Every structure is written in C-alpha cells, then in structure tokens.
Amino acid sequence: MANLFVLNFPTCSSSLRRVSALPSSNGAHPLSAGSGPVILELPLEKIRRPLMRTRANDPDKVKDLMDSIQEIGLQVPIDVLEVDGVYYGFSGCHRYEAHQCLRLPTIRCKVRRGTKETLRHHLR
C-alpha cells in the first residue's frame, strides 16, 4: 500500500508544517528509516547548509527564481536530510537563496531521514 501525504498549513509560519500520512502496511512512520522521502515546509533557519560552495550562486538565476516563486510558487522542493532532528540541505542553493532574498519564512523540502554515517558520506 502506498503512503498518501497531506500537507496541513498552520496560520503560524514559525512552526513546521505538519505532514499526515496514511499508515503503511507495516505501520511505519513516514520518516522512519527505509521509507521514502516526504514533502515538508520547513523554516529556513532550521536548515543547515553544511557544504561550503566553491563558487557563488548565479545572481541571474536567483533573480529568475525569485520572479517565478512570486508568480507561481516553488515548483521543485529542495533536498534535505534529517539526522537526529537536524535538517541538512544538500541541493537547491539557488532556490534557498531566492527564498532568503524574498524574506520567505519557509521553503518546501523533500526530506528523507538518514543516519550520522549517511551525513558523513554526503560531507565527503
């Protein structure tokens, strides 16, 4: 049986937006180890950006994304790894910066749960 995810948007933007899921056939939580990613709306300040970029973001790309996000919203979530309750962003640097420039409090993320070993692997 496939999981069905429903986003509930609270009026307070400082909290995480909740994800409700139909239980899988084994009763696993949507972010339990071994399950696929879920889509969450996370506060920007809760996402750590552990990879030091060797180049700056393209300002034209950021501007284009800002215009698109204002017009139609974010179309592709950024990828985030959750390890022990801490969120690490590994893709979507231009989208993340566009949200910062627009002063948006949250960003849509494709979140998957990982271990500290998984995090170390991404940091290599």
PDB file of N, CA and C in Angstrom:
ATOM      1  N   MET A   1       0.851  -1.178   0.000  1.00  0.00           N
ATOM      2  CA  MET A   1       0.000   0.000   0.000  1.00  0.00           C
ATOM      3  C   MET A   1       0.896   1.240   0.000  1.00  0.00           C
ATOM      4  N   ALA A   2       0.654   2.183  -0.868  1.00  0.00           N
ATOM      5  CA  ALA A   2       1.457   3.396  -0.967  1.00  0.00           C
ATOM      6  C   ALA A   2       1.015   4.396   0.096  1.00  0.00           C
ATOM      7  N   ASN A   3       1.979   5.186   0.609  1.00  0.00           N
ATOM      8  CA  ASN A   3       1.648   6.243   1.561  1.00  0.00           C
ATOM      9  C   ASN A   3       0.988   7.403   0.832  1.00  0.00           C
ATOM     10  N   LEU A   4       0.012   8.040   1.466  1.00  0.00           N
ATOM     11  CA  LEU A   4      -0.628   9.230   0.942  1.00  0.00           C
ATOM     12  C   LEU A   4      -0.315  10.348   1.907  1.00  0.00           C
ATOM     13  N   PHE A   5       0.256  11.437   1.423  1.00  0.00           N
ATOM     14  CA  PHE A   5       0.663  12.534   2.273  1.00  0.00           C
ATOM     15  C   PHE A   5      -0.244  13.731   2.059  1.00  0.00           C
ATOM     16  N   VAL A   6      -0.613  14.386   3.159  1.00  0.00           N
ATOM     17  CA  VAL A   6      -1.456  15.563   3.115  1.00  0.00           C
ATOM     18  C   VAL A   6      -0.756  16.655   3.902  1.00  0.00           C
ATOM     19  N   LEU A   7      -0.573  17.818   3.299  1.00  0.00           N
ATOM     20  CA  LEU A   7       0.034  18.947   3.993  1.00  0.00           C
ATOM     21  C   LEU A   7      -1.043  19.771   4.662  1.00  0.00           C
ATOM     22  N   ASN A   8      -0.845  20.100   5.939  1.00  0.00           N
ATOM     23  CA  ASN A   8      -1.731  20.994   6.666  1.00  0.00           C
ATOM     24  C   ASN A   8      -0.956  22.269   6.947  1.00  0.00           C
ATOM     25  N   PHE A   9      -1.471  23.413   6.529  1.00  0.00           N
ATOM     26  CA  PHE A   9      -0.760  24.670   6.657  1.00  0.00           C
ATOM     27  C   PHE A   9      -1.312  25.463   7.837  1.00  0.00           C
ATOM     28  N   PRO A  10      -0.526  25.594   8.929  1.00  0.00           N
ATOM     29  CA  PRO A  10      -0.998  26.364  10.080  1.00  0.00           C
ATOM     30  C   PRO A  10      -0.900  27.857   9.804  1.00  0.00           C
ATOM     31  N   THR A  11      -1.572  28.642  10.616  1.00  0.00           N
ATOM     32  CA  THR A  11      -1.511  30.085  10.448  1.00  0.00           C
ATOM     33  C   THR A  11      -0.190  30.647  10.946  1.00  0.00           C
ATOM     34  N   CYS A  12       0.466  29.968  11.851  1.00  0.00           N
ATOM     35  CA  CYS A  12       1.756  30.426  12.376  1.00  0.00           C
ATOM     36  C   CYS A  12       2.868  29.897  11.487  1.00  0.00           C
ATOM     37  N   SER A  13       3.631  30.790  10.844  1.00  0.00           N
ATOM     38  CA  SER A  13       4.664  30.352   9.912  1.00  0.00           C
ATOM     39  C   SER A  13       5.948  29.927  10.603  1.00  0.00           C
ATOM     40  N   SER A  14       6.069  30.132  11.916  1.00  0.00           N
ATOM     41  CA  SER A  14       7.317  29.786  12.583  1.00  0.00           C
ATOM     42  C   SER A  14       7.421  28.295  12.905  1.00  0.00           C
ATOM     43  N   SER A  15       6.327  27.577  12.807  1.00  0.00           N
ATOM     44  CA  SER A  15       6.371  26.155  13.113  1.00  0.00           C
ATOM     45  C   SER A  15       6.509  25.338  11.839  1.00  0.00           C
ATOM     46  N   LEU A  16       6.894  24.090  11.988  1.00  0.00           N
ATOM     47  CA  LEU A  16       6.943  23.188  10.845  1.00  0.00           C
ATOM     48  C   LEU A  16       5.522  22.922  10.390  1.00  0.00           C
ATOM     49  N   ARG A  17       5.340  22.816   9.126  1.00  0.00           N
ATOM     50  CA  ARG A  17       4.020  22.449   8.622  1.00  0.00           C
ATOM     51  C   ARG A  17       3.907  20.945   8.713  1.00  0.00           C
ATOM     52  N   ARG A  18       2.797  20.477   9.235  1.00  0.00           N
ATOM     53  CA  ARG A  18       2.631  19.065   9.536  1.00  0.00           C
ATOM     54  C   ARG A  18       2.370  18.240   8.297  1.00  0.00           C
ATOM     55  N   VAL A  19       2.799  17.007   8.371  1.00  0.00           N
ATOM     56  CA  VAL A  19       2.506  16.045   7.318  1.00  0.00           C
ATOM     57  C   VAL A  19       1.720  14.919   7.954  1.00  0.00           C
ATOM     58  N   SER A  20       0.580  14.612   7.380  1.00  0.00           N
ATOM     59  CA  SER A  20      -0.195  13.470   7.824  1.00  0.00           C
ATOM     60  C   SER A  20      -0.057  12.387   6.773  1.00  0.00           C
ATOM     61  N   ALA A  21       0.032  11.164   7.209  1.00  0.00           N
ATOM     62  CA  ALA A  21       0.187  10.078   6.247  1.00  0.00           C
ATOM     63  C   ALA A  21      -0.686   8.913   6.657  1.00  0.00           C
ATOM     64  N   LEU A  22      -1.227   8.258   5.659  1.00  0.00           N
ATOM     65  CA  LEU A  22      -1.894   7.000   5.945  1.00  0.00           C
ATOM     66  C   LEU A  22      -0.820   5.998   6.337  1.00  0.00           C
ATOM     67  N   PRO A  23      -1.048   5.205   7.340  1.00  0.00           N
ATOM     68  CA  PRO A  23      -0.014   4.249   7.725  1.00  0.00           C
ATOM     69  C   PRO A  23       0.254   3.257   6.609  1.00  0.00           C
ATOM     70  N   SER A  24       1.519   2.880   6.499  1.00  0.00           N
ATOM     71  CA  SER A  24       1.866   1.859   5.518  1.00  0.00           C
ATOM     72  C   SER A  24       1.425   0.507   6.041  1.00  0.00           C
ATOM     73  N   SER A  25       1.560  -0.503   5.229  1.00  0.00           N
ATOM     74  CA  SER A  25       1.119  -1.832   5.630  1.00  0.00           C
ATOM     75  C   SER A  25       1.881  -2.330   6.851  1.00  0.00           C
ATOM     76  N   ASN A  26       3.123  -1.807   7.059  1.00  0.00           N
ATOM     77  CA  ASN A  26       3.883  -2.231   8.236  1.00  0.00           C
ATOM     78  C   ASN A  26       3.754  -1.236   9.387  1.00  0.00           C
ATOM     79  N   GLY A  27       2.943  -0.176   9.227  1.00  0.00           N
ATOM     80  CA  GLY A  27       2.709   0.787  10.296  1.00  0.00           C
ATOM     81  C   GLY A  27       3.853   1.761  10.502  1.00  0.00           C
ATOM     82  N   ALA A  28       4.800   1.839   9.571  1.00  0.00           N
ATOM     83  CA  ALA A  28       5.976   2.688   9.745  1.00  0.00           C
ATOM     84  C   ALA A  28       5.602   4.169   9.641  1.00  0.00           C
ATOM     85  N   HIS A  29       6.313   4.997  10.394  1.00  0.00           N
ATOM     86  CA  HIS A  29       6.185   6.444  10.333  1.00  0.00           C
ATOM     87  C   HIS A  29       6.737   6.921   8.991  1.00  0.00           C
ATOM     88  N   PRO A  30       6.168   7.982   8.386  1.00  0.00           N
ATOM     89  CA  PRO A  30       6.620   8.429   7.069  1.00  0.00           C
ATOM     90  C   PRO A  30       8.117   8.739   6.990  1.00  0.00           C
ATOM     91  N   LEU A  31       8.737   9.184   8.086  1.00  0.00           N
ATOM     92  CA  LEU A  31      10.166   9.474   8.056  1.00  0.00           C
ATOM     93  C   LEU A  31      10.992   8.388   8.724  1.00  0.00           C
ATOM     94  N   SER A  32      10.438   7.218   8.889  1.00  0.00           N
ATOM     95  CA  SER A  32      11.216   6.155   9.506  1.00  0.00           C
ATOM     96  C   SER A  32      12.280   5.664   8.541  1.00  0.00           C
ATOM     97  N   ALA A  33      13.334   5.094   9.090  1.00  0.00           N
ATOM     98  CA  ALA A  33      14.441   4.607   8.266  1.00  0.00           C
ATOM     99  C   ALA A  33      13.912   3.623   7.241  1.00  0.00           C
ATOM    100  N   GLY A  34      14.371   3.770   6.019  1.00  0.00           N
ATOM    101  CA  GLY A  34      13.968   2.852   4.970  1.00  0.00           C
ATOM    102  C   GLY A  34      12.764   3.308   4.172  1.00  0.00           C
ATOM    103  N   SER A  35      12.026   4.278   4.689  1.00  0.00           N
ATOM    104  CA  SER A  35      10.893   4.770   3.907  1.00  0.00           C
ATOM    105  C   SER A  35      11.381   5.863   2.967  1.00  0.00           C
ATOM    106  N   GLY A  36      10.573   6.183   1.996  1.00  0.00           N
ATOM    107  CA  GLY A  36      10.953   7.212   1.039  1.00  0.00           C
ATOM    108  C   GLY A  36      10.827   8.600   1.631  1.00  0.00           C
ATOM    109  N   PRO A  37      11.219   9.611   0.842  1.00  0.00           N
ATOM    110  CA  PRO A  37      11.149  10.981   1.323  1.00  0.00           C
ATOM    111  C   PRO A  37       9.711  11.476   1.449  1.00  0.00           C
ATOM    112  N   VAL A  38       9.538  12.507   2.275  1.00  0.00           N
ATOM    113  CA  VAL A  38       8.247  13.180   2.416  1.00  0.00           C
ATOM    114  C   VAL A  38       8.460  14.655   2.111  1.00  0.00           C
ATOM    115  N   ILE A  39       7.397  15.328   1.757  1.00  0.00           N
ATOM    116  CA  ILE A  39       7.462  16.759   1.466  1.00  0.00           C
ATOM    117  C   ILE A  39       7.009  17.520   2.716  1.00  0.00           C
ATOM    118  N   LEU A  40       7.883  18.422   3.191  1.00  0.00           N
ATOM    119  CA  LEU A  40       7.580  19.263   4.350  1.00  0.00           C
ATOM    120  C   LEU A  40       7.904  20.708   4.013  1.00  0.00           C
ATOM    121  N   GLU A  41       7.208  21.606   4.651  1.00  0.00           N
ATOM    122  CA  GLU A  41       7.508  23.034   4.572  1.00  0.00           C
ATOM    123  C   GLU A  41       8.310  23.346   5.835  1.00  0.00           C
ATOM    124  N   LEU A  42       9.606  23.687   5.679  1.00  0.00           N
ATOM    125  CA  LEU A  42      10.485  23.916   6.827  1.00  0.00           C
ATOM    126  C   LEU A  42      10.898  25.378   6.915  1.00  0.00           C
ATOM    127  N   PRO A  43      11.043  25.901   8.140  1.00  0.00           N
ATOM    128  CA  PRO A  43      11.587  27.252   8.297  1.00  0.00           C
ATOM    129  C   PRO A  43      13.027  27.296   7.769  1.00  0.00           C
ATOM    130  N   LEU A  44      13.369  28.356   7.056  1.00  0.00           N
ATOM    131  CA  LEU A  44      14.716  28.479   6.507  1.00  0.00           C
ATOM    132  C   LEU A  44      15.774  28.377   7.591  1.00  0.00           C
ATOM    133  N   GLU A  45      15.494  28.961   8.764  1.00  0.00           N
ATOM    134  CA  GLU A  45      16.510  28.966   9.824  1.00  0.00           C
ATOM    135  C   GLU A  45      16.748  27.586  10.427  1.00  0.00           C
ATOM    136  N   LYS A  46      15.891  26.624  10.133  1.00  0.00           N
ATOM    137  CA  LYS A  46      16.062  25.259  10.654  1.00  0.00           C
ATOM    138  C   LYS A  46      16.924  24.389   9.738  1.00  0.00           C
ATOM    139  N   ILE A  47      17.287  24.907   8.559  1.00  0.00           N
ATOM    140  CA  ILE A  47      18.034  24.112   7.589  1.00  0.00           C
ATOM    141  C   ILE A  47      19.497  24.529   7.622  1.00  0.00           C
ATOM    142  N   ARG A  48      20.358  23.592   7.946  1.00  0.00           N
ATOM    143  CA  ARG A  48      21.799  23.841   7.920  1.00  0.00           C
ATOM    144  C   ARG A  48      22.311  23.595   6.519  1.00  0.00           C
ATOM    145  N   ARG A  49      23.215  24.430   6.081  1.00  0.00           N
ATOM    146  CA  ARG A  49      23.821  24.297   4.757  1.00  0.00           C
ATOM    147  C   ARG A  49      25.270  23.874   4.959  1.00  0.00           C
ATOM    148  N   PRO A  50      25.541  22.581   5.145  1.00  0.00           N
ATOM    149  CA  PRO A  50      26.877  22.132   5.550  1.00  0.00           C
ATOM    150  C   PRO A  50      27.932  22.154   4.456  1.00  0.00           C
ATOM    151  N   LEU A  51      27.533  22.175   3.199  1.00  0.00           N
ATOM    152  CA  LEU A  51      28.522  22.132   2.131  1.00  0.00           C
ATOM    153  C   LEU A  51      28.997  23.534   1.802  1.00  0.00           C
ATOM    154  N   MET A  52      30.301  23.742   1.869  1.00  0.00           N
ATOM    155  CA  MET A  52      30.868  25.034   1.502  1.00  0.00           C
ATOM    156  C   MET A  52      30.954  25.076  -0.020  1.00  0.00           C
ATOM    157  N   ARG A  53      30.283  26.031  -0.602  1.00  0.00           N
ATOM    158  CA  ARG A  53      30.283  26.144  -2.058  1.00  0.00           C
ATOM    159  C   ARG A  53      31.594  26.761  -2.518  1.00  0.00           C
ATOM    160  N   THR A  54      32.149  26.229  -3.597  1.00  0.00           N
ATOM    161  CA  THR A  54      33.392  26.762  -4.148  1.00  0.00           C
ATOM    162  C   THR A  54      33.120  27.913  -5.100  1.00  0.00           C
ATOM    163  N   ARG A  55      31.867  28.118  -5.452  1.00  0.00           N
ATOM    164  CA  ARG A  55      31.505  29.231  -6.323  1.00  0.00           C
ATOM    165  C   ARG A  55      30.238  29.881  -5.783  1.00  0.00           C
ATOM    166  N   ALA A  56      30.062  31.131  -6.145  1.00  0.00           N
ATOM    167  CA  ALA A  56      28.860  31.852  -5.712  1.00  0.00           C
ATOM    168  C   ALA A  56      27.678  31.445  -6.585  1.00  0.00           C
ATOM    169  N   ASN A  57      26.480  31.629  -6.051  1.00  0.00           N
ATOM    170  CA  ASN A  57      25.278  31.403  -6.842  1.00  0.00           C
ATOM    171  C   ASN A  57      25.224  32.413  -7.976  1.00  0.00           C
ATOM    172  N   ASP A  58      24.637  32.009  -9.077  1.00  0.00           N
ATOM    173  CA  ASP A  58      24.444  32.880 -10.237  1.00  0.00           C
ATOM    174  C   ASP A  58      23.323  33.872  -9.903  1.00  0.00           C
ATOM    175  N   PRO A  59      23.632  35.181  -9.802  1.00  0.00           N
ATOM    176  CA  PRO A  59      22.608  36.150  -9.411  1.00  0.00           C
ATOM    177  C   PRO A  59      21.437  36.224 -10.399  1.00  0.00           C
ATOM    178  N   ASP A  60      21.698  35.986 -11.686  1.00  0.00           N
ATOM    179  CA  ASP A  60      20.609  35.999 -12.664  1.00  0.00           C
ATOM    180  C   ASP A  60      19.649  34.833 -12.432  1.00  0.00           C
ATOM    181  N   LYS A  61      20.206  33.673 -12.100  1.00  0.00           N
ATOM    182  CA  LYS A  61      19.373  32.506 -11.820  1.00  0.00           C
ATOM    183  C   LYS A  61      18.538  32.733 -10.551  1.00  0.00           C
ATOM    184  N   VAL A  62      19.165  33.333  -9.535  1.00  0.00           N
ATOM    185  CA  VAL A  62      18.436  33.628  -8.294  1.00  0.00           C
ATOM    186  C   VAL A  62      17.298  34.598  -8.586  1.00  0.00           C
ATOM    187  N   LYS A  63      17.561  35.639  -9.383  1.00  0.00           N
ATOM    188  CA  LYS A  63      16.538  36.629  -9.722  1.00  0.00           C
ATOM    189  C   LYS A  63      15.389  35.978 -10.501  1.00  0.00           C
ATOM    190  N   ASP A  64      15.735  35.118 -11.475  1.00  0.00           N
ATOM    191  CA  ASP A  64      14.694  34.414 -12.235  1.00  0.00           C
ATOM    192  C   ASP A  64      13.841  33.547 -11.316  1.00  0.00           C
ATOM    193  N   LEU A  65      14.492  32.872 -10.381  1.00  0.00           N
ATOM    194  CA  LEU A  65      13.752  32.036  -9.427  1.00  0.00           C
ATOM    195  C   LEU A  65      12.865  32.887  -8.526  1.00  0.00           C
ATOM    196  N   MET A  66      13.371  34.036  -8.101  1.00  0.00           N
ATOM    197  CA  MET A  66      12.551  34.927  -7.266  1.00  0.00           C
ATOM    198  C   MET A  66      11.282  35.333  -8.010  1.00  0.00           C
ATOM    199  N   ASP A  67      11.449  35.715  -9.283  1.00  0.00           N
ATOM    200  CA  ASP A  67      10.281  36.107 -10.085  1.00  0.00           C
ATOM    201  C   ASP A  67       9.300  34.945 -10.213  1.00  0.00           C
ATOM    202  N   SER A  68       9.819  33.746 -10.491  1.00  0.00           N
ATOM    203  CA  SER A  68       8.972  32.567 -10.654  1.00  0.00           C
ATOM    204  C   SER A  68       8.257  32.210  -9.349  1.00  0.00           C
ATOM    205  N   ILE A  69       8.991  32.242  -8.238  1.00  0.00           N
ATOM    206  CA  ILE A  69       8.409  31.893  -6.938  1.00  0.00           C
ATOM    207  C   ILE A  69       7.303  32.874  -6.575  1.00  0.00           C
ATOM    208  N   GLN A  70       7.514  34.169  -6.868  1.00  0.00           N
ATOM    209  CA  GLN A  70       6.474  35.163  -6.577  1.00  0.00           C
ATOM    210  C   GLN A  70       5.234  34.942  -7.452  1.00  0.00           C
ATOM    211  N   GLU A  71       5.458  34.505  -8.679  1.00  0.00           N
ATOM    212  CA  GLU A  71       4.337  34.338  -9.608  1.00  0.00           C
ATOM    213  C   GLU A  71       3.586  33.026  -9.410  1.00  0.00           C
ATOM    214  N   ILE A  72       4.333  31.899  -9.329  1.00  0.00           N
ATOM    215  CA  ILE A  72       3.657  30.591  -9.292  1.00  0.00           C
ATOM    216  C   ILE A  72       4.071  29.715  -8.111  1.00  0.00           C
ATOM    217  N   GLY A  73       4.957  30.210  -7.263  1.00  0.00           N
ATOM    218  CA  GLY A  73       5.399  29.419  -6.117  1.00  0.00           C
ATOM    219  C   GLY A  73       6.550  28.498  -6.482  1.00  0.00           C
ATOM    220  N   LEU A  74       7.143  27.895  -5.494  1.00  0.00           N
ATOM    221  CA  LEU A  74       8.258  26.972  -5.702  1.00  0.00           C
ATOM    222  C   LEU A  74       7.732  25.687  -6.333  1.00  0.00           C
ATOM    223  N   GLN A  75       8.286  25.302  -7.456  1.00  0.00           N
ATOM    224  CA  GLN A  75       7.809  24.129  -8.177  1.00  0.00           C
ATOM    225  C   GLN A  75       8.554  22.853  -7.812  1.00  0.00           C
ATOM    226  N   VAL A  76       9.837  22.975  -7.435  1.00  0.00           N
ATOM    227  CA  VAL A  76      10.647  21.801  -7.111  1.00  0.00           C
ATOM    228  C   VAL A  76      11.217  21.982  -5.710  1.00  0.00           C
ATOM    229  N   PRO A  77      10.850  21.112  -4.766  1.00  0.00           N
ATOM    230  CA  PRO A  77      11.377  21.237  -3.403  1.00  0.00           C
ATOM    231  C   PRO A  77      12.893  21.018  -3.370  1.00  0.00           C
ATOM    232  N   ILE A  78      13.546  21.597  -2.362  1.00  0.00           N
ATOM    233  CA  ILE A  78      14.966  21.331  -2.173  1.00  0.00           C
ATOM    234  C   ILE A  78      15.122  19.989  -1.450  1.00  0.00           C
ATOM    235  N   ASP A  79      16.275  19.360  -1.585  1.00  0.00           N
ATOM    236  CA  ASP A  79      16.539  18.080  -0.923  1.00  0.00           C
ATOM    237  C   ASP A  79      17.167  18.318   0.444  1.00  0.00           C
ATOM    238  N   VAL A  80      16.588  17.690   1.456  1.00  0.00           N
ATOM    239  CA  VAL A  80      17.038  17.858   2.832  1.00  0.00           C
ATOM    240  C   VAL A  80      17.185  16.486   3.475  1.00  0.00           C
ATOM    241  N   LEU A  81      18.253  16.329   4.234  1.00  0.00           N
ATOM    242  CA  LEU A  81      18.494  15.112   5.004  1.00  0.00           C
ATOM    243  C   LEU A  81      18.256  15.428   6.472  1.00  0.00           C
ATOM    244  N   GLU A  82      17.392  14.654   7.126  1.00  0.00           N
ATOM    245  CA  GLU A  82      17.127  14.835   8.564  1.00  0.00           C
ATOM    246  C   GLU A  82      17.902  13.783   9.330  1.00  0.00           C
ATOM    247  N   VAL A  83      18.775  14.233  10.218  1.00  0.00           N
ATOM    248  CA  VAL A  83      19.573  13.339  11.056  1.00  0.00           C
ATOM    249  C   VAL A  83      19.387  13.773  12.505  1.00  0.00           C
ATOM    250  N   ASP A  84      18.808  12.913  13.308  1.00  0.00           N
ATOM    251  CA  ASP A  84      18.593  13.188  14.733  1.00  0.00           C
ATOM    252  C   ASP A  84      17.893  14.532  14.969  1.00  0.00           C
ATOM    253  N   GLY A  85      16.879  14.833  14.155  1.00  0.00           N
ATOM    254  CA  GLY A  85      16.096  16.046  14.337  1.00  0.00           C
ATOM    255  C   GLY A  85      16.711  17.316  13.765  1.00  0.00           C
ATOM    256  N   VAL A  86      17.868  17.198  13.113  1.00  0.00           N
ATOM    257  CA  VAL A  86      18.531  18.355  12.496  1.00  0.00           C
ATOM    258  C   VAL A  86      18.429  18.203  10.979  1.00  0.00           C
ATOM    259  N   TYR A  87      18.098  19.290  10.293  1.00  0.00           N
ATOM    260  CA  TYR A  87      17.888  19.273   8.849  1.00  0.00           C
ATOM    261  C   TYR A  87      19.103  19.850   8.124  1.00  0.00           C
ATOM    262  N   TYR A  88      19.614  19.094   7.147  1.00  0.00           N
ATOM    263  CA  TYR A  88      20.783  19.496   6.365  1.00  0.00           C
ATOM    264  C   TYR A  88      20.369  19.589   4.900  1.00  0.00           C
ATOM    265  N   GLY A  89      20.569  20.765   4.300  1.00  0.00           N
ATOM    266  CA  GLY A  89      20.239  20.970   2.900  1.00  0.00           C
ATOM    267  C   GLY A  89      21.423  20.649   2.013  1.00  0.00           C
ATOM    268  N   PHE A  90      21.199  19.827   0.978  1.00  0.00           N
ATOM    269  CA  PHE A  90      22.281  19.417   0.094  1.00  0.00           C
ATOM    270  C   PHE A  90      22.053  19.798  -1.361  1.00  0.00           C
ATOM    271  N   SER A  91      20.923  20.313  -1.689  1.00  0.00           N
ATOM    272  CA  SER A  91      20.683  20.780  -3.050  1.00  0.00           C
ATOM    273  C   SER A  91      19.740  21.966  -2.965  1.00  0.00           C
ATOM    274  N   GLY A  92      19.628  22.681  -4.071  1.00  0.00           N
ATOM    275  CA  GLY A  92      18.686  23.790  -4.101  1.00  0.00           C
ATOM    276  C   GLY A  92      19.254  25.099  -3.584  1.00  0.00           C
ATOM    277  N   CYS A  93      20.564  25.320  -3.759  1.00  0.00           N
ATOM    278  CA  CYS A  93      21.192  26.539  -3.248  1.00  0.00           C
ATOM    279  C   CYS A  93      20.570  27.798  -3.844  1.00  0.00           C
ATOM    280  N   HIS A  94      20.278  27.785  -5.147  1.00  0.00           N
ATOM    281  CA  HIS A  94      19.668  28.955  -5.779  1.00  0.00           C
ATOM    282  C   HIS A  94      18.242  29.163  -5.264  1.00  0.00           C
ATOM    283  N   ARG A  95      17.493  28.072  -5.121  1.00  0.00           N
ATOM    284  CA  ARG A  95      16.117  28.178  -4.609  1.00  0.00           C
ATOM    285  C   ARG A  95      16.113  28.668  -3.172  1.00  0.00           C
ATOM    286  N   TYR A  96      17.055  28.157  -2.369  1.00  0.00           N
ATOM    287  CA  TYR A  96      17.183  28.570  -0.970  1.00  0.00           C
ATOM    288  C   TYR A  96      17.500  30.068  -0.896  1.00  0.00           C
ATOM    289  N   GLU A  97      18.476  30.524  -1.701  1.00  0.00           N
ATOM    290  CA  GLU A  97      18.845  31.943  -1.697  1.00  0.00           C
ATOM    291  C   GLU A  97      17.687  32.818  -2.180  1.00  0.00           C
ATOM    292  N   ALA A  98      16.941  32.359  -3.179  1.00  0.00           N
ATOM    293  CA  ALA A  98      15.786  33.125  -3.658  1.00  0.00           C
ATOM    294  C   ALA A  98      14.770  33.305  -2.532  1.00  0.00           C
ATOM    295  N   HIS A  99      14.526  32.253  -1.748  1.00  0.00           N
ATOM    296  CA  HIS A  99      13.607  32.362  -0.608  1.00  0.00           C
ATOM    297  C   HIS A  99      14.135  33.355   0.415  1.00  0.00           C
ATOM    298  N   GLN A 100      15.445  33.322   0.667  1.00  0.00           N
ATOM    299  CA  GLN A 100      16.047  34.278   1.606  1.00  0.00           C
ATOM    300  C   GLN A 100      15.844  35.711   1.108  1.00  0.00           C
ATOM    301  N   CYS A 101      16.142  35.948  -0.174  1.00  0.00           N
ATOM    302  CA  CYS A 101      16.009  37.290  -0.744  1.00  0.00           C
ATOM    303  C   CYS A 101      14.572  37.791  -0.700  1.00  0.00           C
ATOM    304  N   LEU A 102      13.626  36.884  -0.867  1.00  0.00           N
ATOM    305  CA  LEU A 102      12.203  37.240  -0.809  1.00  0.00           C
ATOM    306  C   LEU A 102      11.706  37.345   0.636  1.00  0.00           C
ATOM    307  N   ARG A 103      12.570  37.017   1.586  1.00  0.00           N
ATOM    308  CA  ARG A 103      12.230  37.037   3.019  1.00  0.00           C
ATOM    309  C   ARG A 103      11.056  36.104   3.335  1.00  0.00           C
ATOM    310  N   LEU A 104      11.031  34.971   2.641  1.00  0.00           N
ATOM    311  CA  LEU A 104      10.008  33.962   2.922  1.00  0.00           C
ATOM    312  C   LEU A 104      10.463  33.154   4.128  1.00  0.00           C
ATOM    313  N   PRO A 105       9.582  32.891   5.064  1.00  0.00           N
ATOM    314  CA  PRO A 105      10.000  32.207   6.290  1.00  0.00           C
ATOM    315  C   PRO A 105      10.235  30.708   6.131  1.00  0.00           C
ATOM    316  N   THR A 106       9.596  30.103   5.119  1.00  0.00           N
ATOM    317  CA  THR A 106       9.703  28.657   4.953  1.00  0.00           C
ATOM    318  C   THR A 106      10.007  28.301   3.506  1.00  0.00           C
ATOM    319  N   ILE A 107      10.422  27.044   3.312  1.00  0.00           N
ATOM    320  CA  ILE A 107      10.680  26.531   1.972  1.00  0.00           C
ATOM    321  C   ILE A 107      10.217  25.082   1.913  1.00  0.00           C
ATOM    322  N   ARG A 108       9.655  24.686   0.784  1.00  0.00           N
ATOM    323  CA  ARG A 108       9.203  23.304   0.604  1.00  0.00           C
ATOM    324  C   ARG A 108      10.421  22.415   0.400  1.00  0.00           C
ATOM    325  N   CYS A 109      10.466  21.305   1.143  1.00  0.00           N
ATOM    326  CA  CYS A 109      11.623  20.411   1.130  1.00  0.00           C
ATOM    327  C   CYS A 109      11.196  18.968   0.924  1.00  0.00           C
ATOM    328  N   LYS A 110      12.012  18.243   0.175  1.00  0.00           N
ATOM    329  CA  LYS A 110      11.859  16.793   0.091  1.00  0.00           C
ATOM    330  C   LYS A 110      12.807  16.240   1.151  1.00  0.00           C
ATOM    331  N   VAL A 111      12.233  15.736   2.231  1.00  0.00           N
ATOM    332  CA  VAL A 111      13.009  15.330   3.407  1.00  0.00           C
ATOM    333  C   VAL A 111      13.101  13.819   3.471  1.00  0.00           C
ATOM    334  N   ARG A 112      14.315  13.341   3.659  1.00  0.00           N
ATOM    335  CA  ARG A 112      14.491  11.924   3.947  1.00  0.00           C
ATOM    336  C   ARG A 112      15.324  11.808   5.212  1.00  0.00           C
ATOM    337  N   ARG A 113      15.058  10.789   5.965  1.00  0.00           N
ATOM    338  CA  ARG A 113      15.762  10.561   7.226  1.00  0.00           C
ATOM    339  C   ARG A 113      17.031   9.775   6.940  1.00  0.00           C
ATOM    340  N   GLY A 114      18.090  10.125   7.637  1.00  0.00           N
ATOM    341  CA  GLY A 114      19.357   9.433   7.478  1.00  0.00           C
ATOM    342  C   GLY A 114      20.064   9.270   8.808  1.00  0.00           C
ATOM    343  N   THR A 115      21.152   8.556   8.760  1.00  0.00           N
ATOM    344  CA  THR A 115      21.976   8.330   9.944  1.00  0.00           C
ATOM    345  C   THR A 115      23.170   9.281   9.913  1.00  0.00           C
ATOM    346  N   LYS A 116      23.926   9.302  10.995  1.00  0.00           N
ATOM    347  CA  LYS A 116      25.142  10.115  11.020  1.00  0.00           C
ATOM    348  C   LYS A 116      26.128   9.628   9.966  1.00  0.00           C
ATOM    349  N   GLU A 117      26.134   8.341   9.699  1.00  0.00           N
ATOM    350  CA  GLU A 117      27.002   7.796   8.655  1.00  0.00           C
ATOM    351  C   GLU A 117      26.586   8.323   7.281  1.00  0.00           C
ATOM    352  N   THR A 118      25.282   8.405   7.036  1.00  0.00           N
ATOM    353  CA  THR A 118      24.796   8.959   5.774  1.00  0.00           C
ATOM    354  C   THR A 118      25.242  10.409   5.637  1.00  0.00           C
ATOM    355  N   LEU A 119      25.158  11.172   6.725  1.00  0.00           N
ATOM    356  CA  LEU A 119      25.584  12.566   6.718  1.00  0.00           C
ATOM    357  C   LEU A 119      27.075  12.664   6.426  1.00  0.00           C
ATOM    358  N   ARG A 120      27.880  11.821   7.068  1.00  0.00           N
ATOM    359  CA  ARG A 120      29.334  11.819   6.817  1.00  0.00           C
ATOM    360  C   ARG A 120      29.617  11.509   5.344  1.00  0.00           C
ATOM    361  N   HIS A 121      28.869  10.602   4.773  1.00  0.00           N
ATOM    362  CA  HIS A 121      29.039  10.258   3.360  1.00  0.00           C
ATOM    363  C   HIS A 121      28.784  11.482   2.480  1.00  0.00           C
ATOM    364  N   HIS A 122      27.728  12.253   2.777  1.00  0.00           N
ATOM    365  CA  HIS A 122      27.410  13.450   1.994  1.00  0.00           C
ATOM    366  C   HIS A 122      28.461  14.532   2.165  1.00  0.00           C
ATOM    367  N   LEU A 123      29.115  14.571   3.310  1.00  0.00           N
ATOM    368  CA  LEU A 123      30.110  15.613   3.576  1.00  0.00           C
ATOM    369  C   LEU A 123      31.468  15.302   2.955  1.00  0.00           C
ATOM    370  N   ARG A 124      31.683  14.084   2.478  1.00  0.00           N
ATOM    371  CA  ARG A 124      32.980  13.734   1.862  1.00  0.00           C
ATOM    372  C   ARG A 124      33.174  14.414   0.555  1.00  0.00           C
TER     373      ARG A 124
END
